[in-house]
C-alpha atoms as a PDB file:
ATOM      1  CA  MET A   1      19.374 -10.713   2.945  1.00  0.00           C
ATOM      2  CA  SER A   2      18.787  -9.330  -0.477  1.00  0.00           C
ATOM      3  CA  LYS A   3      20.191  -5.919  -1.664  1.00  0.00           C
ATOM      4  CA  HIS A   4      16.768  -4.747  -2.135  1.00  0.00           C
ATOM      5  CA  ARG A   5      16.096  -5.584   1.833  1.00  0.00           C
ATOM      6  CA  LYS A   6      18.991  -4.063   2.971  1.00  0.00           C
ATOM      7  CA  LYS A   7      18.378  -0.870   1.088  1.00  0.00           C
ATOM      8  CA  PHE A   8      14.681  -0.867   2.135  1.00  0.00           C
ATOM      9  CA  ILE A   9      16.057  -0.983   5.969  1.00  0.00           C
ATOM     10  CA  ALA A  10      18.611   1.548   5.574  1.00  0.00           C
ATOM     11  CA  PHE A  11      16.391   4.059   3.966  1.00  0.00           C
ATOM     12  CA  VAL A  12      13.494   3.574   6.792  1.00  0.00           C
ATOM     13  CA  GLU A  13      16.372   3.925   9.336  1.00  0.00           C
ATOM     14  CA  LYS A  14      17.586   7.074   7.815  1.00  0.00           C
ATOM     15  CA  ILE A  15      14.020   8.967   7.585  1.00  0.00           C
ATOM     16  CA  MET A  16      13.025   7.698  10.997  1.00  0.00           C
ATOM     17  CA  ALA A  17      16.383   9.081  12.513  1.00  0.00           C
ATOM     18  CA  GLU A  18      15.789  12.505  10.187  1.00  0.00           C
ATOM     19  CA  SER A  19      12.131  12.882  11.567  1.00  0.00           C
ATOM     20  CA  GLU A  20      13.301  12.872  15.314  1.00  0.00           C
ATOM     21  CA  LYS A  21      15.409  16.282  14.335  1.00  0.00           C
ATOM     22  CA  ILE A  22      12.603  18.297  12.853  1.00  0.00           C
ATOM     23  CA  THR A  23       9.420  19.639  14.546  1.00  0.00           C
ATOM     24  CA  PRO A  24       5.836  18.445  14.432  1.00  0.00           C
ATOM     25  CA  GLU A  25       4.952  21.432  12.281  1.00  0.00           C
ATOM     26  CA  GLU A  26       7.387  20.484   9.621  1.00  0.00           C
ATOM     27  CA  LEU A  27       6.661  16.635   9.350  1.00  0.00           C
ATOM     28  CA  MET A  28       4.306  17.144   6.741  1.00  0.00           C
ATOM     29  CA  PHE A  29       3.638  19.306   3.593  1.00  0.00           C
ATOM     30  CA  THR A  30       0.938  20.001   0.902  1.00  0.00           C
ATOM     31  CA  TYR A  31       0.937  19.142  -2.863  1.00  0.00           C
ATOM     32  CA  LYS A  32      -1.883  19.513  -4.944  1.00  0.00           C
ATOM     33  CA  GLY A  33      -4.191  19.756  -1.704  1.00  0.00           C
ATOM     34  CA  ILE A  34      -3.111  16.358  -0.240  1.00  0.00           C
ATOM     35  CA  LEU A  35      -0.677  16.053   2.929  1.00  0.00           C
ATOM     36  CA  TYR A  36       2.474  13.947   2.705  1.00  0.00           C
ATOM     37  CA  PRO A  37       5.293  12.862   4.999  1.00  0.00           C
ATOM     38  CA  ALA A  38       8.277  15.550   4.347  1.00  0.00           C
ATOM     39  CA  THR A  39      11.031  12.970   5.088  1.00  0.00           C
ATOM     40  CA  VAL A  40      10.014  10.467   2.533  1.00  0.00           C
ATOM     41  CA  CYS A  41       8.320  12.482  -0.133  1.00  0.00           C
ATOM     42  CA  SER A  42       9.155  16.023  -1.820  1.00  0.00           C
ATOM     43  CA  PRO A  43       7.465  18.426  -4.420  1.00  0.00           C
ATOM     44  CA  GLU A  44      10.543  17.867  -6.663  1.00  0.00           C
ATOM     45  CA  VAL A  45       9.896  14.085  -6.598  1.00  0.00           C
ATOM     46  CA  PHE A  46       6.257  14.518  -7.394  1.00  0.00           C
ATOM     47  CA  LYS A  47       7.602  16.749 -10.423  1.00  0.00           C
ATOM     48  CA  ALA A  48      10.199  14.471 -11.326  1.00  0.00           C
ATOM     49  CA  LEU A  49       7.405  11.335 -11.412  1.00  0.00           C
ATOM     50  CA  GLU A  50       5.326  13.316 -13.890  1.00  0.00           C
ATOM     51  CA  SER A  51       7.758  12.263 -16.499  1.00  0.00           C
ATOM     52  CA  PHE A  52       8.031   8.442 -15.521  1.00  0.00           C
ATOM     53  CA  GLU A  53       7.745   5.880 -18.252  1.00  0.00           C
ATOM     54  CA  ALA A  54       5.783   3.009 -17.331  1.00  0.00           C
ATOM     55  CA  ARG A  55       5.977  -0.085 -19.043  1.00  0.00           C
ATOM     56  CA  SER A  56       3.156  -2.464 -20.036  1.00  0.00           C
ATOM     57  CA  ASP A  57       4.631  -5.156 -18.132  1.00  0.00           C
ATOM     58  CA  ASP A  58       5.060  -3.700 -14.964  1.00  0.00           C
ATOM     59  CA  VAL A  59       3.671  -4.678 -11.833  1.00  0.00           C
ATOM     60  CA  ILE A  60       1.825  -2.051  -9.873  1.00  0.00           C
ATOM     61  CA  LEU A  61       0.038  -2.284  -6.392  1.00  0.00           C
ATOM     62  CA  ALA A  62      -2.224   0.590  -5.509  1.00  0.00           C
ATOM     63  CA  GLY A  63      -3.729   0.962  -2.016  1.00  0.00           C
ATOM     64  CA  TYR A  64      -4.761   3.431   0.613  1.00  0.00           C
ATOM     65  CA  PRO A  65      -2.108   3.475   3.555  1.00  0.00           C
ATOM     66  CA  LYS A  66      -2.879   0.566   6.132  1.00  0.00           C
ATOM     67  CA  SER A  67      -4.737  -1.186   3.523  1.00  0.00           C
ATOM     68  CA  GLY A  68      -2.461  -4.299   3.747  1.00  0.00           C
ATOM     69  CA  THR A  69       0.062  -3.136   1.134  1.00  0.00           C
ATOM     70  CA  ASN A  70       3.242  -4.220   2.751  1.00  0.00           C
ATOM     71  CA  TRP A  71       1.584  -7.832   3.222  1.00  0.00           C
ATOM     72  CA  VAL A  72       0.435  -7.813  -0.693  1.00  0.00           C
ATOM     73  CA  GLY A  73       3.505  -6.284  -1.784  1.00  0.00           C
ATOM     74  CA  GLN A  74       5.611  -9.124  -0.470  1.00  0.00           C
ATOM     75  CA  ILE A  75       3.126 -11.366  -2.038  1.00  0.00           C
ATOM     76  CA  LEU A  76       3.919  -9.814  -5.457  1.00  0.00           C
ATOM     77  CA  THR A  77       7.373  -9.734  -5.150  1.00  0.00           C
ATOM     78  CA  ASP A  78       7.462 -13.558  -4.292  1.00  0.00           C
ATOM     79  CA  LEU A  79       5.212 -14.434  -7.312  1.00  0.00           C
ATOM     80  CA  VAL A  80       7.227 -12.102  -9.725  1.00  0.00           C
ATOM     81  CA  ASP A  81      10.581 -13.535  -8.456  1.00  0.00           C
ATOM     82  CA  ALA A  82       9.000 -17.324  -8.761  1.00  0.00           C
ATOM     83  CA  ALA A  83       7.739 -16.312 -12.343  1.00  0.00           C
ATOM     84  CA  ALA A  84      11.678 -15.155 -13.051  1.00  0.00           C
ATOM     85  CA  LYS A  85      13.112 -18.254 -11.774  1.00  0.00           C
ATOM     86  CA  SER A  86      10.804 -20.575 -13.619  1.00  0.00           C
ATOM     87  CA  ASN A  87      11.707 -18.391 -16.972  1.00  0.00           C
ATOM     88  CA  GLY A  88      15.237 -19.410 -16.185  1.00  0.00           C
ATOM     89  CA  ASP A  89      16.293 -16.067 -14.900  1.00  0.00           C
ATOM     90  CA  THR A  90      18.921 -16.631 -12.255  1.00  0.00           C
ATOM     91  CA  ASN A  91      18.773 -12.856 -10.838  1.00  0.00           C
ATOM     92  CA  SER A  92      16.048 -12.491  -8.141  1.00  0.00           C
ATOM     93  CA  ALA A  93      13.539  -9.806  -9.056  1.00  0.00           C
ATOM     94  CA  ASP A  94      13.776  -8.884  -5.409  1.00  0.00           C
ATOM     95  CA  ASP A  95      17.699  -8.463  -5.731  1.00  0.00           C
ATOM     96  CA  GLU A  96      17.225  -6.443  -9.232  1.00  0.00           C
ATOM     97  CA  PHE A  97      14.772  -3.804  -7.585  1.00  0.00           C
ATOM     98  CA  GLU A  98      16.923  -2.041  -5.396  1.00  0.00           C
ATOM     99  CA  GLU A  99      14.699   1.404  -5.382  1.00  0.00           C
ATOM    100  CA  PHE A 100      12.375   1.944  -2.478  1.00  0.00           C
ATOM    101  CA  PRO A 101       9.304  -0.045  -3.683  1.00  0.00           C
ATOM    102  CA  TYR A 102       7.093   2.955  -3.212  1.00  0.00           C
ATOM    103  CA  LEU A 103       6.539   4.895  -6.461  1.00  0.00           C
ATOM    104  CA  GLU A 104       6.462   8.401  -4.637  1.00  0.00           C
ATOM    105  CA  VAL A 105       9.180   7.776  -2.369  1.00  0.00           C
ATOM    106  CA  GLY A 106      12.741   8.594  -2.936  1.00  0.00           C
ATOM    107  CA  ASP A 107      14.755  11.383  -4.400  1.00  0.00           C
ATOM    108  CA  PRO A 108      14.255  13.185  -7.876  1.00  0.00           C
ATOM    109  CA  GLU A 109      16.546  11.222  -9.743  1.00  0.00           C
ATOM    110  CA  LYS A 110      15.013   7.634  -8.985  1.00  0.00           C
ATOM    111  CA  TYR A 111      12.983   7.639 -12.065  1.00  0.00           C
ATOM    112  CA  GLN A 112      16.182   7.842 -14.187  1.00  0.00           C
ATOM    113  CA  ARG A 113      17.767   5.006 -12.596  1.00  0.00           C
ATOM    114  CA  MET A 114      14.370   2.769 -12.809  1.00  0.00           C
ATOM    115  CA  ALA A 115      14.429   3.380 -16.418  1.00  0.00           C
ATOM    116  CA  ASN A 116      17.873   1.090 -16.497  1.00  0.00           C
ATOM    117  CA  LEU A 117      16.087  -1.810 -14.333  1.00  0.00           C
ATOM    118  CA  PRO A 118      15.204  -5.071 -16.246  1.00  0.00           C
ATOM    119  CA  SER A 119      11.263  -6.108 -16.392  1.00  0.00           C
ATOM    120  CA  ARG A 120       9.038  -6.953 -14.709  1.00  0.00           C
ATOM    121  CA  ARG A 121       9.271  -4.137 -12.201  1.00  0.00           C
ATOM    122  CA  VAL A 122       7.352  -4.358  -9.208  1.00  0.00           C
ATOM    123  CA  MET A 123       6.142  -0.853  -7.618  1.00  0.00           C
ATOM    124  CA  PHE A 124       3.726   0.161  -4.776  1.00  0.00           C
ATOM    125  CA  THR A 125       1.994   3.338  -4.733  1.00  0.00           C
ATOM    126  CA  HIS A 126      -0.583   5.128  -2.226  1.00  0.00           C
ATOM    127  CA  LEU A 127      -1.301   7.815  -4.698  1.00  0.00           C
ATOM    128  CA  ILE A 128      -5.029   8.611  -6.086  1.00  0.00           C
ATOM    129  CA  PRO A 129      -4.995   7.961  -9.699  1.00  0.00           C
ATOM    130  CA  ARG A 130      -4.961  12.001 -11.022  1.00  0.00           C
ATOM    131  CA  ASN A 131      -1.692  11.882  -9.361  1.00  0.00           C
ATOM    132  CA  LEU A 132      -0.403   8.775 -10.886  1.00  0.00           C
ATOM    133  CA  PRO A 133       2.253   9.507 -14.146  1.00  0.00           C
ATOM    134  CA  THR A 134      -0.068   9.576 -16.878  1.00  0.00           C
ATOM    135  CA  SER A 135       2.001   6.605 -18.646  1.00  0.00           C
ATOM    136  CA  ILE A 136       0.668   4.072 -16.276  1.00  0.00           C
ATOM    137  CA  LEU A 137      -2.862   4.315 -17.813  1.00  0.00           C
ATOM    138  CA  LYS A 138      -1.997   5.311 -21.313  1.00  0.00           C
ATOM    139  CA  ASN A 139       0.389   2.167 -21.602  1.00  0.00           C
ATOM    140  CA  LYS A 140      -1.926  -0.220 -20.279  1.00  0.00           C
ATOM    141  CA  THR A 141      -0.097  -1.230 -17.208  1.00  0.00           C
ATOM    142  CA  LYS A 142      -1.721  -3.666 -14.911  1.00  0.00           C
ATOM    143  CA  ILE A 143      -2.540  -2.451 -11.551  1.00  0.00           C
ATOM    144  CA  LEU A 144      -3.523  -4.444  -8.566  1.00  0.00           C
ATOM    145  CA  LEU A 145      -5.855  -2.480  -6.460  1.00  0.00           C
ATOM    146  CA  LEU A 146      -6.171  -3.250  -2.771  1.00  0.00           C
ATOM    147  CA  ILE A 147      -8.907  -1.750  -0.524  1.00  0.00           C
ATOM    148  CA  ARG A 148      -9.949  -2.416   2.844  1.00  0.00           C
ATOM    149  CA  ASN A 149     -12.864  -1.475   5.241  1.00  0.00           C
ATOM    150  CA  PRO A 150     -12.530   1.786   6.504  1.00  0.00           C
ATOM    151  CA  LYS A 151     -13.003   1.115  10.177  1.00  0.00           C
ATOM    152  CA  ASP A 152     -10.013  -0.957  10.348  1.00  0.00           C
ATOM    153  CA  VAL A 153      -7.948   1.271   7.959  1.00  0.00           C
ATOM    154  CA  ALA A 154      -8.732   4.006  10.657  1.00  0.00           C
ATOM    155  CA  THR A 155      -7.462   1.783  13.488  1.00  0.00           C
ATOM    156  CA  SER A 156      -4.655   0.543  11.911  1.00  0.00           C
ATOM    157  CA  PHE A 157      -3.522   3.951  10.622  1.00  0.00           C
ATOM    158  CA  TYR A 158      -4.073   5.209  14.375  1.00  0.00           C
ATOM    159  CA  HIS A 159      -1.569   2.795  15.884  1.00  0.00           C
ATOM    160  CA  PHE A 160       1.101   3.367  12.985  1.00  0.00           C
ATOM    161  CA  SER A 161       0.877   7.076  12.973  1.00  0.00           C
ATOM    162  CA  ASN A 162       1.714   6.913  16.860  1.00  0.00           C
ATOM    163  CA  GLY A 163       4.351   4.325  16.718  1.00  0.00           C
ATOM    164  CA  LEU A 164       6.265   5.861  13.527  1.00  0.00           C
ATOM    165  CA  SER A 165       8.271   9.217  13.758  1.00  0.00           C
ATOM    166  CA  PRO A 166       7.951  10.472  10.177  1.00  0.00           C
ATOM    167  CA  LEU A 167       4.073  10.719  10.694  1.00  0.00           C
ATOM    168  CA  PRO A 168       1.991  12.777  13.178  1.00  0.00           C
ATOM    169  CA  SER A 169       1.148  11.546  16.530  1.00  0.00           C
ATOM    170  CA  TYR A 170      -2.299  11.994  18.265  1.00  0.00           C
ATOM    171  CA  ASN A 171      -2.855  12.703  22.139  1.00  0.00           C
ATOM    172  CA  SER A 172      -6.310  10.868  21.568  1.00  0.00           C
ATOM    173  CA  TRP A 173      -8.189   8.495  19.593  1.00  0.00           C
ATOM    174  CA  ASP A 174     -11.064  11.385  19.514  1.00  0.00           C
ATOM    175  CA  ASP A 175      -8.171  13.841  17.904  1.00  0.00           C
ATOM    176  CA  TYR A 176      -7.227  11.369  15.354  1.00  0.00           C
ATOM    177  CA  PHE A 177     -10.607  10.113  14.413  1.00  0.00           C
ATOM    178  CA  LYS A 178     -11.259  13.965  13.411  1.00  0.00           C
ATOM    179  CA  ALA A 179      -8.333  13.911  11.448  1.00  0.00           C
ATOM    180  CA  PHE A 180      -9.378  10.852   9.549  1.00  0.00           C
ATOM    181  CA  MET A 181     -12.644  11.715   8.883  1.00  0.00           C
ATOM    182  CA  SER A 182     -11.923  15.344   7.549  1.00  0.00           C
ATOM    183  CA  GLY A 183      -9.068  13.765   5.395  1.00  0.00           C
ATOM    184  CA  GLN A 184      -6.075  15.514   6.845  1.00  0.00           C
ATOM    185  CA  MET A 185      -3.937  12.447   6.744  1.00  0.00           C
ATOM    186  CA  PRO A 186      -0.751  11.448   5.127  1.00  0.00           C
ATOM    187  CA  TRP A 187      -1.826  10.538   1.440  1.00  0.00           C
ATOM    188  CA  GLY A 188      -5.217  12.370   2.059  1.00  0.00           C
ATOM    189  CA  SER A 189      -8.915  10.979   2.733  1.00  0.00           C
ATOM    190  CA  TYR A 190      -9.574   7.579   2.731  1.00  0.00           C
ATOM    191  CA  PHE A 191     -12.957   8.511   1.274  1.00  0.00           C
ATOM    192  CA  ASP A 192     -11.571  10.480  -1.857  1.00  0.00           C
ATOM    193  CA  TYR A 193      -9.072   7.631  -2.406  1.00  0.00           C
ATOM    194  CA  VAL A 194     -11.772   4.895  -2.940  1.00  0.00           C
ATOM    195  CA  PHE A 195     -14.156   7.225  -4.767  1.00  0.00           C
ATOM    196  CA  GLU A 196     -11.589   8.222  -7.185  1.00  0.00           C
ATOM    197  CA  TRP A 197     -10.427   4.452  -7.989  1.00  0.00           C
ATOM    198  CA  ASN A 198     -13.971   3.684  -8.139  1.00  0.00           C
ATOM    199  CA  LYS A 199     -14.087   5.544 -11.639  1.00  0.00           C
ATOM    200  CA  TYR A 200     -11.539   2.869 -12.723  1.00  0.00           C
ATOM    201  CA  ALA A 201     -13.348   0.024 -11.309  1.00  0.00           C
ATOM    202  CA  ASP A 202     -14.132  -1.568 -14.641  1.00  0.00           C
ATOM    203  CA  ASN A 203     -10.699  -0.844 -16.320  1.00  0.00           C
ATOM    204  CA  GLU A 204      -9.559  -4.659 -17.802  1.00  0.00           C
ATOM    205  CA  ASN A 205      -6.146  -3.375 -16.539  1.00  0.00           C
ATOM    206  CA  ILE A 206      -7.136  -2.947 -12.948  1.00  0.00           C
ATOM    207  CA  MET A 207      -8.108  -5.981 -10.467  1.00  0.00           C
ATOM    208  CA  THR A 208      -9.497  -5.093  -7.333  1.00  0.00           C
ATOM    209  CA  ILE A 209      -9.129  -7.251  -4.086  1.00  0.00           C
ATOM    210  CA  THR A 210     -10.195  -6.695  -0.776  1.00  0.00           C
ATOM    211  CA  TYR A 211      -7.862  -7.220   2.440  1.00  0.00           C
ATOM    212  CA  GLU A 212     -10.749  -9.156   3.907  1.00  0.00           C
ATOM    213  CA  GLU A 213     -11.175 -11.699   0.954  1.00  0.00           C
ATOM    214  CA  LEU A 214      -7.387 -12.079   0.903  1.00  0.00           C
ATOM    215  CA  LYS A 215      -7.547 -13.081   4.701  1.00  0.00           C
ATOM    216  CA  GLU A 216     -10.499 -15.421   4.396  1.00  0.00           C
ATOM    217  CA  ASN A 217      -8.953 -17.324   1.477  1.00  0.00           C
ATOM    218  CA  ARG A 218      -5.249 -16.464   0.670  1.00  0.00           C
ATOM    219  CA  ALA A 219      -4.703 -19.243  -1.709  1.00  0.00           C
ATOM    220  CA  SER A 220      -7.507 -18.477  -3.965  1.00  0.00           C
ATOM    221  CA  GLY A 221      -6.376 -14.763  -3.816  1.00  0.00           C
ATOM    222  CA  VAL A 222      -2.731 -15.339  -4.617  1.00  0.00           C
ATOM    223  CA  LYS A 223      -3.765 -17.614  -7.483  1.00  0.00           C
ATOM    224  CA  CYS A 224      -6.029 -14.875  -9.033  1.00  0.00           C
ATOM    225  CA  ILE A 225      -3.295 -12.315  -8.769  1.00  0.00           C
ATOM    226  CA  SER A 226      -0.815 -14.685 -10.362  1.00  0.00           C
ATOM    227  CA  GLU A 227      -3.265 -15.093 -13.104  1.00  0.00           C
ATOM    228  CA  PHE A 228      -4.375 -11.688 -13.680  1.00  0.00           C
ATOM    229  CA  PHE A 229      -0.304 -10.507 -14.085  1.00  0.00           C
ATOM    230  CA  GLU A 230       0.042 -13.716 -16.405  1.00  0.00           C
ATOM    231  CA  LEU A 231       2.752 -15.093 -14.667  1.00  0.00           C
ATOM    232  CA  ASN A 232       2.304 -18.622 -15.707  1.00  0.00           C
ATOM    233  CA  LEU A 233       3.267 -20.403 -12.394  1.00  0.00           C
ATOM    234  CA  THR A 234       2.628 -24.037 -11.299  1.00  0.00           C
ATOM    235  CA  GLU A 235       0.505 -24.669  -8.711  1.00  0.00           C
ATOM    236  CA  GLN A 236       3.267 -25.629  -6.614  1.00  0.00           C
ATOM    237  CA  ALA A 237       4.974 -22.139  -7.118  1.00  0.00           C
ATOM    238  CA  ILE A 238       1.643 -20.410  -6.087  1.00  0.00           C
ATOM    239  CA  GLN A 239       1.280 -22.755  -3.012  1.00  0.00           C
ATOM    240  CA  GLU A 240       4.641 -21.744  -2.008  1.00  0.00           C
ATOM    241  CA  VAL A 241       3.846 -18.249  -1.874  1.00  0.00           C
ATOM    242  CA  VAL A 242       0.903 -18.885  -0.199  1.00  0.00           C
ATOM    243  CA  ASP A 243       2.848 -20.823   2.537  1.00  0.00           C
ATOM    244  CA  LYS A 244       5.186 -17.782   3.209  1.00  0.00           C
ATOM    245  CA  SER A 245       2.622 -14.952   3.110  1.00  0.00           C
ATOM    246  CA  SER A 246       0.670 -15.956   6.209  1.00  0.00           C
ATOM    247  CA  PHE A 247       0.732 -12.955   8.590  1.00  0.00           C
ATOM    248  CA  GLN A 248       2.278 -14.779  11.215  1.00  0.00           C
ATOM    249  CA  ALA A 249       5.107 -15.985   8.974  1.00  0.00           C
ATOM    250  CA  MET A 250       5.853 -12.179   7.749  1.00  0.00           C
ATOM    251  CA  LYS A 251       5.621 -10.937  11.288  1.00  0.00           C
ATOM    252  CA  GLU A 252       8.200 -13.731  12.558  1.00  0.00           C
ATOM    253  CA  ASN A 253      10.220 -12.648   9.670  1.00  0.00           C
ATOM    254  CA  SER A 254       9.923  -8.953   9.782  1.00  0.00           C
ATOM    255  CA  GLN A 255      13.261  -8.264  11.516  1.00  0.00           C
ATOM    256  CA  LYS A 256      14.920  -9.763   8.355  1.00  0.00           C
ATOM    257  CA  THR A 257      12.624  -7.834   5.830  1.00  0.00           C
ATOM    258  CA  HIS A 258      11.792  -4.721   7.241  1.00  0.00           C
ATOM    259  CA  GLY A 259      13.991  -3.928  10.419  1.00  0.00           C
ATOM    260  CA  GLU A 260      13.062  -2.186  13.465  1.00  0.00           C
ATOM    261  CA  PHE A 261      10.403  -0.973  11.080  1.00  0.00           C
ATOM    262  CA  GLY A 262       8.517  -4.315  11.210  1.00  0.00           C
ATOM    263  CA  LYS A 263       7.739  -4.203  14.713  1.00  0.00           C
ATOM    264  CA  VAL A 264       5.490  -1.017  13.723  1.00  0.00           C
ATOM    265  CA  LEU A 265       4.406  -2.682  10.469  1.00  0.00           C
ATOM    266  CA  PHE A 266       3.114  -6.194  11.235  1.00  0.00           C
ATOM    267  CA  ARG A 267       1.133  -5.379  14.457  1.00  0.00           C
ATOM    268  CA  LYS A 268      -2.210  -7.676  14.274  1.00  0.00           C
ATOM    269  CA  GLY A 269      -3.094  -7.990  10.938  1.00  0.00           C
ATOM    270  CA  GLY A 270      -6.840  -8.962  11.731  1.00  0.00           C
ATOM    271  CA  VAL A 271     -10.135  -8.293  10.493  1.00  0.00           C
ATOM    272  CA  SER A 272     -12.681  -6.205  12.968  1.00  0.00           C
ATOM    273  CA  ASP A 273      -9.795  -4.587  15.354  1.00  0.00           C
ATOM    274  CA  TRP A 274     -11.758  -1.516  15.170  1.00  0.00           C
ATOM    275  CA  LYS A 275     -14.305  -2.577  17.842  1.00  0.00           C
ATOM    276  CA  SER A 276     -11.716  -1.880  20.315  1.00  0.00           C
ATOM    277  CA  LEU A 277     -11.889   1.979  19.774  1.00  0.00           C
ATOM    278  CA  PHE A 278     -14.667   2.816  18.170  1.00  0.00           C
ATOM    279  CA  ASN A 279     -17.967   4.194  20.121  1.00  0.00           C
ATOM    280  CA  GLU A 280     -21.293   4.691  19.264  1.00  0.00           C
ATOM    281  CA  ASP A 281     -20.609   8.230  18.051  1.00  0.00           C
ATOM    282  CA  HIS A 282     -17.650   7.051  15.898  1.00  0.00           C
ATOM    283  CA  ASN A 283     -19.968   4.398  14.504  1.00  0.00           C
ATOM    284  CA  ARG A 284     -22.676   6.775  13.459  1.00  0.00           C
ATOM    285  CA  GLU A 285     -20.173   9.112  11.805  1.00  0.00           C
ATOM    286  CA  MET A 286     -18.351   6.488   9.959  1.00  0.00           C
ATOM    287  CA  ASP A 287     -21.397   4.764   8.667  1.00  0.00           C
ATOM    288  CA  THR A 288     -23.260   7.870   7.179  1.00  0.00           C
ATOM    289  CA  THR A 289     -19.989   9.218   5.757  1.00  0.00           C
ATOM    290  CA  PHE A 290     -19.448   5.744   4.058  1.00  0.00           C
ATOM    291  CA  GLU A 291     -23.073   5.917   2.643  1.00  0.00           C
ATOM    292  CA  GLU A 292     -23.025   9.474   1.527  1.00  0.00           C
ATOM    293  CA  ARG A 293     -19.505   9.064  -0.330  1.00  0.00           C
ATOM    294  CA  LEU A 294     -19.245   5.143  -1.121  1.00  0.00           C
ATOM    295  CA  GLY A 295     -22.834   3.698  -0.840  1.00  0.00           C
ATOM    296  CA  GLY A 296     -24.128   2.017  -4.261  1.00  0.00           C
ATOM    297  CA  THR A 297     -20.367   2.275  -5.706  1.00  0.00           C
ATOM    298  CA  LYS A 298     -18.813  -1.123  -7.137  1.00  0.00           C
ATOM    299  CA  LEU A 299     -16.002  -0.436  -4.787  1.00  0.00           C
ATOM    300  CA  GLY A 300     -18.281   0.522  -1.780  1.00  0.00           C
ATOM    301  CA  GLU A 301     -20.329  -2.789  -2.386  1.00  0.00           C
ATOM    302  CA  LYS A 302     -17.046  -4.695  -2.763  1.00  0.00           C
ATOM    303  CA  ILE A 303     -15.856  -3.596   0.662  1.00  0.00           C
ATOM    304  CA  LYS A 304     -19.081  -5.475   2.086  1.00  0.00           C
ATOM    305  CA  TYR A 305     -19.293  -2.653   4.913  1.00  0.00           C
ATOM    306  CA  GLU A 306     -22.507  -4.410   6.445  1.00  0.00           C
ATOM    307  CA  VAL A 307     -20.419  -7.326   6.922  1.00  0.00           C
ATOM    308  CA  TYR A 308     -17.530  -5.823   8.129  1.00  0.00           C
ATOM    309  CA  CYS A 309     -18.456  -2.418   9.989  1.00  0.00           C
ATOM    310  CA  LYS A 310     -21.342  -3.231  11.754  1.00  0.00           C
ATOM    311  CA  SER A 311     -21.478  -4.490  14.960  1.00  0.00           C
END
């Protein structure tokens, strides 16, 4: 197992143990009007993050929680690792990047350590654009923006929250649905997230891909991601990443890559699981809110709501 994975698993196990010791009221804190899990984020970390210096060759994946960031993040890591090896670098990118991959998760000294890491650095984030370090957009760092239809996000987040101690749990789907629709969620409102990122949808340094299109044609999606980040990989190298990145393959390997966390993280990985929880009232409210907030926007159209969110 790589050093990166060992550190990832140790960190997750630590925060899960810590969260068992605190009250439900202490699980979350608010920073700039958005809720965050107190065991993985802190105001001190966000303050330190402001001065983080991004590089033009950094590889960043942005996505709202439960949009598939762990899945696509592994694809990105494998692609960058393959590119490093093809260039004669014998050190694995996965081994070198020992920091927890989520940009906003860790300790305030994390960013000083990251300054000493070699390129390319692979980072993930759930943050909305205005809470990212200004250096990311200023230095024209490339960002892969991952979006997923809101009904499946809500459904996946519900199961994830109830299965993970650092996050609030809910007595019922109805209680959770109210929190999701009002934006009282870790990392904030889904609708605010997509709406804010929509302002950057035409930025040439940002590529948007949907969870659904990647599920439908993983090979094409992985190739497009590789080309966007100019990794210069052969067809064979790309295919090797494609073969390793099926949800089933990652789920079977989750104990090695994510420890006990993998059981919660890799649940179904499908499309349209929302039909198991949404009733007519839930559908009506979600449909109305989506149209009001994201209808007619570039990202709203890319989500293909009529295809994936209508019975």
